[in-house]
């Protein structure tokens, strides 16, 4: 195995948005650093099942629906 090609894995503390924390191994930062998450599975709608909001900037969505709406049963 080649020397000095693998990243340095060390222990860091990860703090979730609700304040819970855990220790894991990572290549991020230095040994003992603390990583504060702004988005995590407890707060992000992709994991919590929140409703997705579709923002139509510049009419792109409406133009798409006009062109391909027949595929979705729309007229």
C-alpha atoms as a PDB file:
ATOM      1  CA  UNK A   1       0.000   0.000   0.000  1.00  0.00           C
ATOM      2  CA  UNK A   2       1.316   3.463  -0.881  1.00  0.00           C
ATOM      3  CA  UNK A   3       2.214   5.772   1.973  1.00  0.00           C
ATOM      4  CA  UNK A   4       0.766   9.265   2.457  1.00  0.00           C
ATOM      5  CA  UNK A   5      -2.084   8.914  -0.061  1.00  0.00           C
ATOM      6  CA  UNK A   6      -4.910   8.292   2.388  1.00  0.00           C
ATOM      7  CA  UNK A   7      -6.695  11.123   4.222  1.00  0.00           C
ATOM      8  CA  UNK A   8      -6.161  11.631   7.935  1.00  0.00           C
ATOM      9  CA  UNK A   9      -9.172  10.209   9.786  1.00  0.00           C
ATOM     10  CA  UNK A  10      -9.693  11.555  13.283  1.00  0.00           C
ATOM     11  CA  UNK A  11     -12.490  12.009  15.821  1.00  0.00           C
ATOM     12  CA  UNK A  12     -14.747  15.094  15.703  1.00  0.00           C
ATOM     13  CA  UNK A  13     -17.938  16.068  17.518  1.00  0.00           C
ATOM     14  CA  UNK A  14     -21.050  16.737  15.405  1.00  0.00           C
ATOM     15  CA  UNK A  15     -23.777  18.953  16.899  1.00  0.00           C
ATOM     16  CA  UNK A  16     -27.243  18.578  15.331  1.00  0.00           C
ATOM     17  CA  UNK A  17     -29.735  21.453  14.961  1.00  0.00           C
ATOM     18  CA  UNK A  18     -31.647  20.344  18.067  1.00  0.00           C
ATOM     19  CA  UNK A  19     -28.490  20.330  20.202  1.00  0.00           C
ATOM     20  CA  UNK A  20     -27.880  16.586  20.273  1.00  0.00           C
ATOM     21  CA  UNK A  21     -24.305  15.641  19.606  1.00  0.00           C
ATOM     22  CA  UNK A  22     -22.285  12.597  18.724  1.00  0.00           C
ATOM     23  CA  UNK A  23     -18.676  11.722  18.045  1.00  0.00           C
ATOM     24  CA  UNK A  24     -17.619  10.254  14.723  1.00  0.00           C
ATOM     25  CA  UNK A  25     -14.536   9.794  12.589  1.00  0.00           C
ATOM     26  CA  UNK A  26     -14.025  12.236   9.728  1.00  0.00           C
ATOM     27  CA  UNK A  27     -11.487  13.873   7.454  1.00  0.00           C
ATOM     28  CA  UNK A  28     -13.069  17.285   8.188  1.00  0.00           C
ATOM     29  CA  UNK A  29     -11.128  19.691  10.429  1.00  0.00           C
ATOM     30  CA  UNK A  30      -8.677  18.597  13.060  1.00  0.00           C
ATOM     31  CA  UNK A  31      -8.854  16.096  15.911  1.00  0.00           C
ATOM     32  CA  UNK A  32     -11.404  17.300  18.463  1.00  0.00           C
ATOM     33  CA  UNK A  33     -13.043  19.978  16.268  1.00  0.00           C
ATOM     34  CA  UNK A  34     -16.803  20.579  16.590  1.00  0.00           C
ATOM     35  CA  UNK A  35     -19.016  20.602  13.486  1.00  0.00           C
ATOM     36  CA  UNK A  36     -22.302  22.507  14.001  1.00  0.00           C
ATOM     37  CA  UNK A  37     -24.896  21.453  11.418  1.00  0.00           C
ATOM     38  CA  UNK A  38     -27.339  23.996   9.979  1.00  0.00           C
ATOM     39  CA  UNK A  39     -29.353  21.319   8.151  1.00  0.00           C
ATOM     40  CA  UNK A  40     -29.739  17.734   9.287  1.00  0.00           C
ATOM     41  CA  UNK A  41     -32.240  14.863   8.944  1.00  0.00           C
ATOM     42  CA  UNK A  42     -34.199  16.159  11.939  1.00  0.00           C
ATOM     43  CA  UNK A  43     -34.872  19.575  10.394  1.00  0.00           C
ATOM     44  CA  UNK A  44     -34.766  19.264   6.598  1.00  0.00           C
ATOM     45  CA  UNK A  45     -38.026  18.669   4.745  1.00  0.00           C
ATOM     46  CA  UNK A  46     -36.448  16.002   2.527  1.00  0.00           C
ATOM     47  CA  UNK A  47     -36.250  13.739   5.598  1.00  0.00           C
ATOM     48  CA  UNK A  48     -39.163  15.042   7.663  1.00  0.00           C
ATOM     49  CA  UNK A  49     -41.753  14.772   4.879  1.00  0.00           C
ATOM     50  CA  UNK A  50     -42.497  18.490   4.717  1.00  0.00           C
ATOM     51  CA  UNK A  51     -44.317  19.933   1.762  1.00  0.00           C
ATOM     52  CA  UNK A  52     -42.194  20.992  -1.169  1.00  0.00           C
ATOM     53  CA  UNK A  53     -42.803  24.475  -2.477  1.00  0.00           C
ATOM     54  CA  UNK A  54     -42.390  24.941  -6.207  1.00  0.00           C
ATOM     55  CA  UNK A  55     -41.298  28.467  -7.049  1.00  0.00           C
ATOM     56  CA  UNK A  56     -41.989  29.555 -10.621  1.00  0.00           C
ATOM     57  CA  UNK A  57     -39.334  32.093 -11.484  1.00  0.00           C
ATOM     58  CA  UNK A  58     -39.627  33.549 -14.937  1.00  0.00           C
ATOM     59  CA  UNK A  59     -42.596  31.366 -15.862  1.00  0.00           C
ATOM     60  CA  UNK A  60     -40.484  28.265 -16.510  1.00  0.00           C
ATOM     61  CA  UNK A  61     -42.868  25.917 -14.741  1.00  0.00           C
ATOM     62  CA  UNK A  62     -45.934  27.336 -16.459  1.00  0.00           C
ATOM     63  CA  UNK A  63     -44.222  27.102 -19.874  1.00  0.00           C
ATOM     64  CA  UNK A  64     -43.286  23.483 -19.126  1.00  0.00           C
ATOM     65  CA  UNK A  65     -46.875  22.678 -18.115  1.00  0.00           C
ATOM     66  CA  UNK A  66     -48.193  24.308 -21.297  1.00  0.00           C
ATOM     67  CA  UNK A  67     -45.829  22.275 -23.434  1.00  0.00           C
ATOM     68  CA  UNK A  68     -45.951  18.917 -21.634  1.00  0.00           C
ATOM     69  CA  UNK A  69     -49.114  19.125 -19.521  1.00  0.00           C
ATOM     70  CA  UNK A  70     -50.834  16.553 -21.718  1.00  0.00           C
ATOM     71  CA  UNK A  71     -48.435  13.921 -20.358  1.00  0.00           C
ATOM     72  CA  UNK A  72     -49.669  14.586 -16.821  1.00  0.00           C
ATOM     73  CA  UNK A  73     -53.359  14.592 -17.788  1.00  0.00           C
ATOM     74  CA  UNK A  74     -53.574  18.389 -17.855  1.00  0.00           C
ATOM     75  CA  UNK A  75     -54.886  20.364 -20.744  1.00  0.00           C
END
